Amino acid sequence: LLTRLGLRNVFADDPQRYPRVELDDLR
């Protein structure tokens, strides 16, 4: 849905479907 809204998910290429991330990485 994000793609269809013109939004590029920066975690779309992660091998995990719902990856855990560090807050520093998110920032």
mmCIF file of all heavy atoms, coordinates in Angstrom:
data_MODEL
# 
_entry.id   MODEL 
# 
loop_
_atom_site.group_PDB 
_atom_site.id 
_atom_site.type_symbol 
_atom_site.label_atom_id 
_atom_site.label_alt_id 
_atom_site.label_comp_id 
_atom_site.label_asym_id 
_atom_site.label_entity_id 
_atom_site.label_seq_id 
_atom_site.pdbx_PDB_ins_code 
_atom_site.Cartn_x 
_atom_site.Cartn_y 
_atom_site.Cartn_z 
_atom_site.occupancy 
_atom_site.B_iso_or_equiv 
_atom_site.pdbx_formal_charge 
_atom_site.auth_seq_id 
_atom_site.auth_comp_id 
_atom_site.auth_asym_id 
_atom_site.auth_atom_id 
_atom_site.pdbx_PDB_model_num 
ATOM 1   N N   . LEU A 1 1  ? 0.830  -1.211  0.000  1.00 0.00 ? 1  LEU A N   1 
ATOM 2   C CA  . LEU A 1 1  ? 0.000  0.000   0.000  1.00 0.00 ? 1  LEU A CA  1 
ATOM 3   C C   . LEU A 1 1  ? 0.861  1.256   0.000  1.00 0.00 ? 1  LEU A C   1 
ATOM 4   O O   . LEU A 1 1  ? 0.517  2.248   -0.658 1.00 0.00 ? 1  LEU A O   1 
ATOM 5   C CB  . LEU A 1 1  ? -0.930 0.007   1.220  1.00 0.00 ? 1  LEU A CB  1 
ATOM 6   C CG  . LEU A 1 1  ? -2.050 -1.023  1.288  1.00 0.00 ? 1  LEU A CG  1 
ATOM 7   C CD1 . LEU A 1 1  ? -3.080 -0.611  2.336  1.00 0.00 ? 1  LEU A CD1 1 
ATOM 8   C CD2 . LEU A 1 1  ? -2.730 -1.227  -0.062 1.00 0.00 ? 1  LEU A CD2 1 
ATOM 9   N N   . LEU A 1 2  ? 1.964  1.216   0.726  1.00 0.00 ? 2  LEU A N   1 
ATOM 10  C CA  . LEU A 1 2  ? 2.849  2.386   0.743  1.00 0.00 ? 2  LEU A CA  1 
ATOM 11  C C   . LEU A 1 2  ? 3.303  2.736   -0.667 1.00 0.00 ? 2  LEU A C   1 
ATOM 12  O O   . LEU A 1 2  ? 3.272  3.906   -1.074 1.00 0.00 ? 2  LEU A O   1 
ATOM 13  C CB  . LEU A 1 2  ? 4.063  2.108   1.625  1.00 0.00 ? 2  LEU A CB  1 
ATOM 14  C CG  . LEU A 1 2  ? 3.818  1.929   3.121  1.00 0.00 ? 2  LEU A CG  1 
ATOM 15  C CD1 . LEU A 1 2  ? 5.121  1.562   3.827  1.00 0.00 ? 2  LEU A CD1 1 
ATOM 16  C CD2 . LEU A 1 2  ? 3.205  3.182   3.744  1.00 0.00 ? 2  LEU A CD2 1 
ATOM 17  N N   . THR A 1 3  ? 3.726  1.736   -1.420 1.00 0.00 ? 3  THR A N   1 
ATOM 18  C CA  . THR A 1 3  ? 4.174  1.966   -2.789 1.00 0.00 ? 3  THR A CA  1 
ATOM 19  C C   . THR A 1 3  ? 3.070  2.595   -3.629 1.00 0.00 ? 3  THR A C   1 
ATOM 20  O O   . THR A 1 3  ? 3.308  3.521   -4.417 1.00 0.00 ? 3  THR A O   1 
ATOM 21  C CB  . THR A 1 3  ? 4.628  0.648   -3.430 1.00 0.00 ? 3  THR A CB  1 
ATOM 22  O OG1 . THR A 1 3  ? 5.711  0.111   -2.676 1.00 0.00 ? 3  THR A OG1 1 
ATOM 23  C CG2 . THR A 1 3  ? 5.072  0.860   -4.879 1.00 0.00 ? 3  THR A CG2 1 
ATOM 24  N N   . ARG A 1 4  ? 1.854  2.120   -3.438 1.00 0.00 ? 4  ARG A N   1 
ATOM 25  C CA  . ARG A 1 4  ? 0.723  2.623   -4.221 1.00 0.00 ? 4  ARG A CA  1 
ATOM 26  C C   . ARG A 1 4  ? 0.294  4.023   -3.789 1.00 0.00 ? 4  ARG A C   1 
ATOM 27  O O   . ARG A 1 4  ? -0.488 4.675   -4.481 1.00 0.00 ? 4  ARG A O   1 
ATOM 28  C CB  . ARG A 1 4  ? -0.449 1.642   -4.122 1.00 0.00 ? 4  ARG A CB  1 
ATOM 29  C CG  . ARG A 1 4  ? -0.141 0.302   -4.796 1.00 0.00 ? 4  ARG A CG  1 
ATOM 30  C CD  . ARG A 1 4  ? -1.163 -0.756  -4.429 1.00 0.00 ? 4  ARG A CD  1 
ATOM 31  N NE  . ARG A 1 4  ? -0.820 -2.066  -4.964 1.00 0.00 ? 4  ARG A NE  1 
ATOM 32  C CZ  . ARG A 1 4  ? -1.238 -2.560  -6.133 1.00 0.00 ? 4  ARG A CZ  1 
ATOM 33  N NH1 . ARG A 1 4  ? -2.040 -1.817  -6.893 1.00 0.00 ? 4  ARG A NH1 1 
ATOM 34  N NH2 . ARG A 1 4  ? -0.873 -3.747  -6.535 1.00 0.00 ? 4  ARG A NH2 1 
ATOM 35  N N   . LEU A 1 5  ? 0.807  4.468   -2.652 1.00 0.00 ? 5  LEU A N   1 
ATOM 36  C CA  . LEU A 1 5  ? 0.555  5.832   -2.184 1.00 0.00 ? 5  LEU A CA  1 
ATOM 37  C C   . LEU A 1 5  ? 1.688  6.782   -2.557 1.00 0.00 ? 5  LEU A C   1 
ATOM 38  O O   . LEU A 1 5  ? 1.699  7.937   -2.153 1.00 0.00 ? 5  LEU A O   1 
ATOM 39  C CB  . LEU A 1 5  ? 0.372  5.833   -0.660 1.00 0.00 ? 5  LEU A CB  1 
ATOM 40  C CG  . LEU A 1 5  ? -0.878 5.128   -0.122 1.00 0.00 ? 5  LEU A CG  1 
ATOM 41  C CD1 . LEU A 1 5  ? -0.756 4.929   1.379  1.00 0.00 ? 5  LEU A CD1 1 
ATOM 42  C CD2 . LEU A 1 5  ? -2.140 5.920   -0.466 1.00 0.00 ? 5  LEU A CD2 1 
ATOM 43  N N   . GLY A 1 6  ? 2.670  6.272   -3.332 1.00 0.00 ? 6  GLY A N   1 
ATOM 44  C CA  . GLY A 1 6  ? 3.803  7.104   -3.709 1.00 0.00 ? 6  GLY A CA  1 
ATOM 45  C C   . GLY A 1 6  ? 4.798  7.276   -2.576 1.00 0.00 ? 6  GLY A C   1 
ATOM 46  O O   . GLY A 1 6  ? 5.516  8.283   -2.518 1.00 0.00 ? 6  GLY A O   1 
ATOM 47  N N   . LEU A 1 7  ? 4.870  6.273   -1.687 1.00 0.00 ? 7  LEU A N   1 
ATOM 48  C CA  . LEU A 1 7  ? 5.762  6.327   -0.533 1.00 0.00 ? 7  LEU A CA  1 
ATOM 49  C C   . LEU A 1 7  ? 6.813  5.230   -0.660 1.00 0.00 ? 7  LEU A C   1 
ATOM 50  O O   . LEU A 1 7  ? 6.469  4.059   -0.869 1.00 0.00 ? 7  LEU A O   1 
ATOM 51  C CB  . LEU A 1 7  ? 4.970  6.151   0.761  1.00 0.00 ? 7  LEU A CB  1 
ATOM 52  C CG  . LEU A 1 7  ? 3.797  7.126   0.956  1.00 0.00 ? 7  LEU A CG  1 
ATOM 53  C CD1 . LEU A 1 7  ? 3.020  6.754   2.216  1.00 0.00 ? 7  LEU A CD1 1 
ATOM 54  C CD2 . LEU A 1 7  ? 4.293  8.564   1.023  1.00 0.00 ? 7  LEU A CD2 1 
ATOM 55  N N   . ARG A 1 8  ? 8.075  5.594   -0.540 1.00 0.00 ? 8  ARG A N   1 
ATOM 56  C CA  . ARG A 1 8  ? 9.160  4.628   -0.653 1.00 0.00 ? 8  ARG A CA  1 
ATOM 57  C C   . ARG A 1 8  ? 9.582  4.173   0.735  1.00 0.00 ? 8  ARG A C   1 
ATOM 58  O O   . ARG A 1 8  ? 10.171 4.930   1.512  1.00 0.00 ? 8  ARG A O   1 
ATOM 59  C CB  . ARG A 1 8  ? 10.347 5.236   -1.387 1.00 0.00 ? 8  ARG A CB  1 
ATOM 60  C CG  . ARG A 1 8  ? 11.510 4.263   -1.555 1.00 0.00 ? 8  ARG A CG  1 
ATOM 61  C CD  . ARG A 1 8  ? 12.703 4.941   -2.193 1.00 0.00 ? 8  ARG A CD  1 
ATOM 62  N NE  . ARG A 1 8  ? 13.857 4.059   -2.210 1.00 0.00 ? 8  ARG A NE  1 
ATOM 63  C CZ  . ARG A 1 8  ? 15.091 4.451   -2.469 1.00 0.00 ? 8  ARG A CZ  1 
ATOM 64  N NH1 . ARG A 1 8  ? 15.326 5.726   -2.746 1.00 0.00 ? 8  ARG A NH1 1 
ATOM 65  N NH2 . ARG A 1 8  ? 16.085 3.589   -2.455 1.00 0.00 ? 8  ARG A NH2 1 
ATOM 66  N N   . ASN A 1 9  ? 9.285  2.933   1.051  1.00 0.00 ? 9  ASN A N   1 
ATOM 67  C CA  . ASN A 1 9  ? 9.631  2.365   2.346  1.00 0.00 ? 9  ASN A CA  1 
ATOM 68  C C   . ASN A 1 9  ? 11.135 2.098   2.378  1.00 0.00 ? 9  ASN A C   1 
ATOM 69  O O   . ASN A 1 9  ? 11.649 1.261   1.630  1.00 0.00 ? 9  ASN A O   1 
ATOM 70  C CB  . ASN A 1 9  ? 8.848  1.068   2.561  1.00 0.00 ? 9  ASN A CB  1 
ATOM 71  C CG  . ASN A 1 9  ? 9.149  0.407   3.879  1.00 0.00 ? 9  ASN A CG  1 
ATOM 72  O OD1 . ASN A 1 9  ? 9.844  0.973   4.729  1.00 0.00 ? 9  ASN A OD1 1 
ATOM 73  N ND2 . ASN A 1 9  ? 8.636  -0.789  4.070  1.00 0.00 ? 9  ASN A ND2 1 
ATOM 74  N N   . VAL A 1 10 ? 11.867 2.766   3.258  1.00 0.00 ? 10 VAL A N   1 
ATOM 75  C CA  . VAL A 1 10 ? 13.322 2.625   3.290  1.00 0.00 ? 10 VAL A CA  1 
ATOM 76  C C   . VAL A 1 10 ? 13.757 1.251   3.799  1.00 0.00 ? 10 VAL A C   1 
ATOM 77  O O   . VAL A 1 10 ? 14.931 0.886   3.673  1.00 0.00 ? 10 VAL A O   1 
ATOM 78  C CB  . VAL A 1 10 ? 13.973 3.733   4.150  1.00 0.00 ? 10 VAL A CB  1 
ATOM 79  C CG1 . VAL A 1 10 ? 13.680 5.104   3.563  1.00 0.00 ? 10 VAL A CG1 1 
ATOM 80  C CG2 . VAL A 1 10 ? 13.526 3.643   5.610  1.00 0.00 ? 10 VAL A CG2 1 
ATOM 81  N N   . PHE A 1 11 ? 12.817 0.476   4.359  1.00 0.00 ? 11 PHE A N   1 
ATOM 82  C CA  . PHE A 1 11 ? 13.135 -0.874  4.830  1.00 0.00 ? 11 PHE A CA  1 
ATOM 83  C C   . PHE A 1 11 ? 12.542 -1.956  3.922  1.00 0.00 ? 11 PHE A C   1 
ATOM 84  O O   . PHE A 1 11 ? 12.458 -3.115  4.307  1.00 0.00 ? 11 PHE A O   1 
ATOM 85  C CB  . PHE A 1 11 ? 12.634 -1.063  6.263  1.00 0.00 ? 11 PHE A CB  1 
ATOM 86  C CG  . PHE A 1 11 ? 13.363 -0.213  7.268  1.00 0.00 ? 11 PHE A CG  1 
ATOM 87  C CD1 . PHE A 1 11 ? 12.799 0.965   7.739  1.00 0.00 ? 11 PHE A CD1 1 
ATOM 88  C CD2 . PHE A 1 11 ? 14.621 -0.571  7.720  1.00 0.00 ? 11 PHE A CD2 1 
ATOM 89  C CE1 . PHE A 1 11 ? 13.466 1.762   8.663  1.00 0.00 ? 11 PHE A CE1 1 
ATOM 90  C CE2 . PHE A 1 11 ? 15.301 0.212   8.638  1.00 0.00 ? 11 PHE A CE2 1 
ATOM 91  C CZ  . PHE A 1 11 ? 14.727 1.386   9.109  1.00 0.00 ? 11 PHE A CZ  1 
ATOM 92  N N   . ALA A 1 12 ? 12.159 -1.567  2.720  1.00 0.00 ? 12 ALA A N   1 
ATOM 93  C CA  . ALA A 1 12 ? 11.505 -2.524  1.814  1.00 0.00 ? 12 ALA A CA  1 
ATOM 94  C C   . ALA A 1 12 ? 12.423 -3.663  1.399  1.00 0.00 ? 12 ALA A C   1 
ATOM 95  O O   . ALA A 1 12 ? 11.939 -4.753  1.072  1.00 0.00 ? 12 ALA A O   1 
ATOM 96  C CB  . ALA A 1 12 ? 10.997 -1.790  0.573  1.00 0.00 ? 12 ALA A CB  1 
ATOM 97  N N   . ASP A 1 13 ? 13.726 -3.439  1.409  1.00 0.00 ? 13 ASP A N   1 
ATOM 98  C CA  . ASP A 1 13 ? 14.655 -4.473  0.962  1.00 0.00 ? 13 ASP A CA  1 
ATOM 99  C C   . ASP A 1 13 ? 15.190 -5.337  2.105  1.00 0.00 ? 13 ASP A C   1 
ATOM 100 O O   . ASP A 1 13 ? 16.010 -6.232  1.876  1.00 0.00 ? 13 ASP A O   1 
ATOM 101 C CB  . ASP A 1 13 ? 15.841 -3.836  0.226  1.00 0.00 ? 13 ASP A CB  1 
ATOM 102 C CG  . ASP A 1 13 ? 15.414 -3.172  -1.068 1.00 0.00 ? 13 ASP A CG  1 
ATOM 103 O OD1 . ASP A 1 13 ? 14.435 -3.641  -1.674 1.00 0.00 ? 13 ASP A OD1 1 
ATOM 104 O OD2 . ASP A 1 13 ? 16.055 -2.175  -1.461 1.00 0.00 ? 13 ASP A OD2 1 
ATOM 105 N N   . ASP A 1 14 ? 14.739 -5.074  3.313  1.00 0.00 ? 14 ASP A N   1 
ATOM 106 C CA  . ASP A 1 14 ? 15.198 -5.891  4.439  1.00 0.00 ? 14 ASP A CA  1 
ATOM 107 C C   . ASP A 1 14 ? 14.699 -7.323  4.261  1.00 0.00 ? 14 ASP A C   1 
ATOM 108 O O   . ASP A 1 14 ? 13.548 -7.542  3.845  1.00 0.00 ? 14 ASP A O   1 
ATOM 109 C CB  . ASP A 1 14 ? 14.655 -5.314  5.752  1.00 0.00 ? 14 ASP A CB  1 
ATOM 110 C CG  . ASP A 1 14 ? 15.361 -5.892  6.967  1.00 0.00 ? 14 ASP A CG  1 
ATOM 111 O OD1 . ASP A 1 14 ? 15.094 -7.073  7.321  1.00 0.00 ? 14 ASP A OD1 1 
ATOM 112 O OD2 . ASP A 1 14 ? 16.188 -5.184  7.552  1.00 0.00 ? 14 ASP A OD2 1 
ATOM 113 N N   . PRO A 1 15 ? 15.519 -8.331  4.548  1.00 0.00 ? 15 PRO A N   1 
ATOM 114 C CA  . PRO A 1 15 ? 15.075 -9.722  4.389  1.00 0.00 ? 15 PRO A CA  1 
ATOM 115 C C   . PRO A 1 15 ? 13.943 -10.119 5.330  1.00 0.00 ? 15 PRO A C   1 
ATOM 116 O O   . PRO A 1 15 ? 13.230 -11.082 5.068  1.00 0.00 ? 15 PRO A O   1 
ATOM 117 C CB  . PRO A 1 15 ? 16.346 -10.540 4.665  1.00 0.00 ? 15 PRO A CB  1 
ATOM 118 C CG  . PRO A 1 15 ? 17.239 -9.625  5.439  1.00 0.00 ? 15 PRO A CG  1 
ATOM 119 C CD  . PRO A 1 15 ? 16.936 -8.257  4.939  1.00 0.00 ? 15 PRO A CD  1 
ATOM 120 N N   . GLN A 1 16 ? 13.790 -9.381  6.419  1.00 0.00 ? 16 GLN A N   1 
ATOM 121 C CA  . GLN A 1 16 ? 12.702 -9.658  7.353  1.00 0.00 ? 16 GLN A CA  1 
ATOM 122 C C   . GLN A 1 16 ? 11.463 -8.853  6.967  1.00 0.00 ? 16 GLN A C   1 
ATOM 123 O O   . GLN A 1 16 ? 11.566 -7.694  6.577  1.00 0.00 ? 16 GLN A O   1 
ATOM 124 C CB  . GLN A 1 16 ? 13.118 -9.300  8.788  1.00 0.00 ? 16 GLN A CB  1 
ATOM 125 C CG  . GLN A 1 16 ? 14.338 -10.050 9.286  1.00 0.00 ? 16 GLN A CG  1 
ATOM 126 C CD  . GLN A 1 16 ? 14.090 -11.541 9.376  1.00 0.00 ? 16 GLN A CD  1 
ATOM 127 O OE1 . GLN A 1 16 ? 13.036 -11.985 9.843  1.00 0.00 ? 16 GLN A OE1 1 
ATOM 128 N NE2 . GLN A 1 16 ? 15.055 -12.325 8.914  1.00 0.00 ? 16 GLN A NE2 1 
ATOM 129 N N   . ARG A 1 17 ? 10.305 -9.490  7.104  1.00 0.00 ? 17 ARG A N   1 
ATOM 130 C CA  . ARG A 1 17 ? 9.070  -8.782  6.742  1.00 0.00 ? 17 ARG A CA  1 
ATOM 131 C C   . ARG A 1 17 ? 8.751  -7.683  7.756  1.00 0.00 ? 17 ARG A C   1 
ATOM 132 O O   . ARG A 1 17 ? 8.183  -6.654  7.393  1.00 0.00 ? 17 ARG A O   1 
ATOM 133 C CB  . ARG A 1 17 ? 7.910  -9.776  6.634  1.00 0.00 ? 17 ARG A CB  1 
ATOM 134 C CG  . ARG A 1 17 ? 8.144  -10.826 5.538  1.00 0.00 ? 17 ARG A CG  1 
ATOM 135 C CD  . ARG A 1 17 ? 6.986  -11.796 5.405  1.00 0.00 ? 17 ARG A CD  1 
ATOM 136 N NE  . ARG A 1 17 ? 5.807  -11.132 4.904  1.00 0.00 ? 17 ARG A NE  1 
ATOM 137 C CZ  . ARG A 1 17 ? 4.615  -11.196 5.477  1.00 0.00 ? 17 ARG A CZ  1 
ATOM 138 N NH1 . ARG A 1 17 ? 4.455  -11.899 6.591  1.00 0.00 ? 17 ARG A NH1 1 
ATOM 139 N NH2 . ARG A 1 17 ? 3.588  -10.573 4.951  1.00 0.00 ? 17 ARG A NH2 1 
ATOM 140 N N   . TYR A 1 18 ? 9.086  -7.902  9.015  1.00 0.00 ? 18 TYR A N   1 
ATOM 141 C CA  . TYR A 1 18 ? 8.884  -6.892  10.058 1.00 0.00 ? 18 TYR A CA  1 
ATOM 142 C C   . TYR A 1 18 ? 10.174 -6.804  10.882 1.00 0.00 ? 18 TYR A C   1 
ATOM 143 O O   . TYR A 1 18 ? 10.256 -7.319  11.996 1.00 0.00 ? 18 TYR A O   1 
ATOM 144 C CB  . TYR A 1 18 ? 7.691  -7.242  10.942 1.00 0.00 ? 18 TYR A CB  1 
ATOM 145 C CG  . TYR A 1 18 ? 6.397  -7.315  10.170 1.00 0.00 ? 18 TYR A CG  1 
ATOM 146 C CD1 . TYR A 1 18 ? 5.864  -8.548  9.779  1.00 0.00 ? 18 TYR A CD1 1 
ATOM 147 C CD2 . TYR A 1 18 ? 5.706  -6.162  9.809  1.00 0.00 ? 18 TYR A CD2 1 
ATOM 148 C CE1 . TYR A 1 18 ? 4.687  -8.621  9.049  1.00 0.00 ? 18 TYR A CE1 1 
ATOM 149 C CE2 . TYR A 1 18 ? 4.528  -6.228  9.084  1.00 0.00 ? 18 TYR A CE2 1 
ATOM 150 C CZ  . TYR A 1 18 ? 4.029  -7.456  8.714  1.00 0.00 ? 18 TYR A CZ  1 
ATOM 151 O OH  . TYR A 1 18 ? 2.860  -7.527  7.983  1.00 0.00 ? 18 TYR A OH  1 
ATOM 152 N N   . PRO A 1 19 ? 11.196 -6.186  10.317 1.00 0.00 ? 19 PRO A N   1 
ATOM 153 C CA  . PRO A 1 19 ? 12.503 -6.191  10.979 1.00 0.00 ? 19 PRO A CA  1 
ATOM 154 C C   . PRO A 1 19 ? 12.539 -5.372  12.270 1.00 0.00 ? 19 PRO A C   1 
ATOM 155 O O   . PRO A 1 19 ? 11.861 -4.347  12.396 1.00 0.00 ? 19 PRO A O   1 
ATOM 156 C CB  . PRO A 1 19 ? 13.427 -5.576  9.921  1.00 0.00 ? 19 PRO A CB  1 
ATOM 157 C CG  . PRO A 1 19 ? 12.529 -4.743  9.063  1.00 0.00 ? 19 PRO A CG  1 
ATOM 158 C CD  . PRO A 1 19 ? 11.215 -5.457  9.039  1.00 0.00 ? 19 PRO A CD  1 
ATOM 159 N N   . ARG A 1 20 ? 13.363 -5.862  13.201 1.00 0.00 ? 20 ARG A N   1 
ATOM 160 C CA  . ARG A 1 20 ? 13.711 -5.060  14.366 1.00 0.00 ? 20 ARG A CA  1 
ATOM 161 C C   . ARG A 1 20 ? 14.822 -4.101  13.964 1.00 0.00 ? 20 ARG A C   1 
ATOM 162 O O   . ARG A 1 20 ? 15.729 -4.478  13.238 1.00 0.00 ? 20 ARG A O   1 
ATOM 163 C CB  . ARG A 1 20 ? 14.192 -5.950  15.511 1.00 0.00 ? 20 ARG A CB  1 
ATOM 164 C CG  . ARG A 1 20 ? 13.108 -6.829  16.116 1.00 0.00 ? 20 ARG A CG  1 
ATOM 165 C CD  . ARG A 1 20 ? 13.628 -7.498  17.374 1.00 0.00 ? 20 ARG A CD  1 
ATOM 166 N NE  . ARG A 1 20 ? 12.623 -8.354  17.969 1.00 0.00 ? 20 ARG A NE  1 
ATOM 167 C CZ  . ARG A 1 20 ? 12.736 -8.896  19.195 1.00 0.00 ? 20 ARG A CZ  1 
ATOM 168 N NH1 . ARG A 1 20 ? 13.828 -8.680  19.913 1.00 0.00 ? 20 ARG A NH1 1 
ATOM 169 N NH2 . ARG A 1 20 ? 11.779 -9.655  19.672 1.00 0.00 ? 20 ARG A NH2 1 
ATOM 170 N N   . VAL A 1 21 ? 14.738 -2.882  14.448 1.00 0.00 ? 21 VAL A N   1 
ATOM 171 C CA  . VAL A 1 21 ? 15.755 -1.887  14.112 1.00 0.00 ? 21 VAL A CA  1 
ATOM 172 C C   . VAL A 1 21 ? 16.136 -1.120  15.375 1.00 0.00 ? 21 VAL A C   1 
ATOM 173 O O   . VAL A 1 21 ? 15.336 -0.994  16.312 1.00 0.00 ? 21 VAL A O   1 
ATOM 174 C CB  . VAL A 1 21 ? 15.262 -0.897  13.031 1.00 0.00 ? 21 VAL A CB  1 
ATOM 175 C CG1 . VAL A 1 21 ? 14.971 -1.606  11.728 1.00 0.00 ? 21 VAL A CG1 1 
ATOM 176 C CG2 . VAL A 1 21 ? 14.028 -0.137  13.510 1.00 0.00 ? 21 VAL A CG2 1 
ATOM 177 N N   . GLU A 1 22 ? 17.348 -0.630  15.385 1.00 0.00 ? 22 GLU A N   1 
ATOM 178 C CA  . GLU A 1 22 ? 17.773 0.253   16.457 1.00 0.00 ? 22 GLU A CA  1 
ATOM 179 C C   . GLU A 1 22 ? 17.265 1.662   16.163 1.00 0.00 ? 22 GLU A C   1 
ATOM 180 O O   . GLU A 1 22 ? 17.178 2.077   15.005 1.00 0.00 ? 22 GLU A O   1 
ATOM 181 C CB  . GLU A 1 22 ? 19.295 0.258   16.577 1.00 0.00 ? 22 GLU A CB  1 
ATOM 182 C CG  . GLU A 1 22 ? 19.893 -1.092  16.952 1.00 0.00 ? 22 GLU A CG  1 
ATOM 183 C CD  . GLU A 1 22 ? 19.449 -1.568  18.317 1.00 0.00 ? 22 GLU A CD  1 
ATOM 184 O OE1 . GLU A 1 22 ? 19.192 -0.702  19.196 1.00 0.00 ? 22 GLU A OE1 1 
ATOM 185 O OE2 . GLU A 1 22 ? 19.342 -2.798  18.505 1.00 0.00 ? 22 GLU A OE2 1 
ATOM 186 N N   . LEU A 1 23 ? 16.945 2.377   17.215 1.00 0.00 ? 23 LEU A N   1 
ATOM 187 C CA  . LEU A 1 23 ? 16.429 3.730   17.028 1.00 0.00 ? 23 LEU A CA  1 
ATOM 188 C C   . LEU A 1 23 ? 17.441 4.605   16.296 1.00 0.00 ? 23 LEU A C   1 
ATOM 189 O O   . LEU A 1 23 ? 17.059 5.425   15.452 1.00 0.00 ? 23 LEU A O   1 
ATOM 190 C CB  . LEU A 1 23 ? 16.070 4.344   18.379 1.00 0.00 ? 23 LEU A CB  1 
ATOM 191 C CG  . LEU A 1 23 ? 15.404 5.729   18.344 1.00 0.00 ? 23 LEU A CG  1 
ATOM 192 C CD1 . LEU A 1 23 ? 14.167 5.725   17.469 1.00 0.00 ? 23 LEU A CD1 1 
ATOM 193 C CD2 . LEU A 1 23 ? 15.076 6.182   19.763 1.00 0.00 ? 23 LEU A CD2 1 
ATOM 194 N N   . ASP A 1 24 ? 18.726 4.416   16.578 1.00 0.00 ? 24 ASP A N   1 
ATOM 195 C CA  . ASP A 1 24 ? 19.747 5.202   15.880 1.00 0.00 ? 24 ASP A CA  1 
ATOM 196 C C   . ASP A 1 24 ? 19.728 4.919   14.370 1.00 0.00 ? 24 ASP A C   1 
ATOM 197 O O   . ASP A 1 24 ? 19.949 5.824   13.560 1.00 0.00 ? 24 ASP A O   1 
ATOM 198 C CB  . ASP A 1 24 ? 21.135 4.892   16.440 1.00 0.00 ? 24 ASP A CB  1 
ATOM 199 C CG  . ASP A 1 24 ? 21.352 5.517   17.817 1.00 0.00 ? 24 ASP A CG  1 
ATOM 200 O OD1 . ASP A 1 24 ? 20.563 6.412   18.181 1.00 0.00 ? 24 ASP A OD1 1 
ATOM 201 O OD2 . ASP A 1 24 ? 22.296 5.107   18.516 1.00 0.00 ? 24 ASP A OD2 1 
ATOM 202 N N   . ASP A 1 25 ? 19.470 3.660   14.006 1.00 0.00 ? 25 ASP A N   1 
ATOM 203 C CA  . ASP A 1 25 ? 19.389 3.312   12.587 1.00 0.00 ? 25 ASP A CA  1 
ATOM 204 C C   . ASP A 1 25 ? 18.178 3.964   11.950 1.00 0.00 ? 25 ASP A C   1 
ATOM 205 O O   . ASP A 1 25 ? 18.229 4.461   10.820 1.00 0.00 ? 25 ASP A O   1 
ATOM 206 C CB  . ASP A 1 25 ? 19.332 1.785   12.431 1.00 0.00 ? 25 ASP A CB  1 
ATOM 207 C CG  . ASP A 1 25 ? 19.344 1.357   10.965 1.00 0.00 ? 25 ASP A CG  1 
ATOM 208 O OD1 . ASP A 1 25 ? 20.057 1.990   10.167 1.00 0.00 ? 25 ASP A OD1 1 
ATOM 209 O OD2 . ASP A 1 25 ? 18.628 0.398   10.618 1.00 0.00 ? 25 ASP A OD2 1 
ATOM 210 N N   . LEU A 1 26 ? 17.084 3.971   12.680 1.00 0.00 ? 26 LEU A N   1 
ATOM 211 C CA  . LEU A 1 26 ? 15.868 4.611   12.181 1.00 0.00 ? 26 LEU A CA  1 
ATOM 212 C C   . LEU A 1 26 ? 16.106 6.105   11.972 1.00 0.00 ? 26 LEU A C   1 
ATOM 213 O O   . LEU A 1 26 ? 15.701 6.680   10.953 1.00 0.00 ? 26 LEU A O   1 
ATOM 214 C CB  . LEU A 1 26 ? 14.729 4.372   13.177 1.00 0.00 ? 26 LEU A CB  1 
ATOM 215 C CG  . LEU A 1 26 ? 13.307 4.701   12.747 1.00 0.00 ? 26 LEU A CG  1 
ATOM 216 C CD1 . LEU A 1 26 ? 12.911 3.969   11.476 1.00 0.00 ? 26 LEU A CD1 1 
ATOM 217 C CD2 . LEU A 1 26 ? 12.338 4.362   13.872 1.00 0.00 ? 26 LEU A CD2 1 
ATOM 218 N N   . ARG A 1 27 ? 16.785 6.712   12.909 1.00 0.00 ? 27 ARG A N   1 
ATOM 219 C CA  . ARG A 1 27 ? 17.063 8.151   12.813 1.00 0.00 ? 27 ARG A CA  1 
ATOM 220 C C   . ARG A 1 27 ? 18.053 8.466   11.691 1.00 0.00 ? 27 ARG A C   1 
ATOM 221 O O   . ARG A 1 27 ? 18.066 9.574   11.141 1.00 0.00 ? 27 ARG A O   1 
ATOM 222 C CB  . ARG A 1 27 ? 17.621 8.655   14.142 1.00 0.00 ? 27 ARG A CB  1 
ATOM 223 C CG  . ARG A 1 27 ? 16.603 8.713   15.281 1.00 0.00 ? 27 ARG A CG  1 
ATOM 224 C CD  . ARG A 1 27 ? 17.304 8.999   16.598 1.00 0.00 ? 27 ARG A CD  1 
ATOM 225 N NE  . ARG A 1 27 ? 16.352 9.218   17.694 1.00 0.00 ? 27 ARG A NE  1 
ATOM 226 C CZ  . ARG A 1 27 ? 16.699 9.238   18.984 1.00 0.00 ? 27 ARG A CZ  1 
ATOM 227 N NH1 . ARG A 1 27 ? 17.967 9.043   19.324 1.00 0.00 ? 27 ARG A NH1 1 
ATOM 228 N NH2 . ARG A 1 27 ? 15.784 9.439   19.914 1.00 0.00 ? 27 ARG A NH2 1 
# 
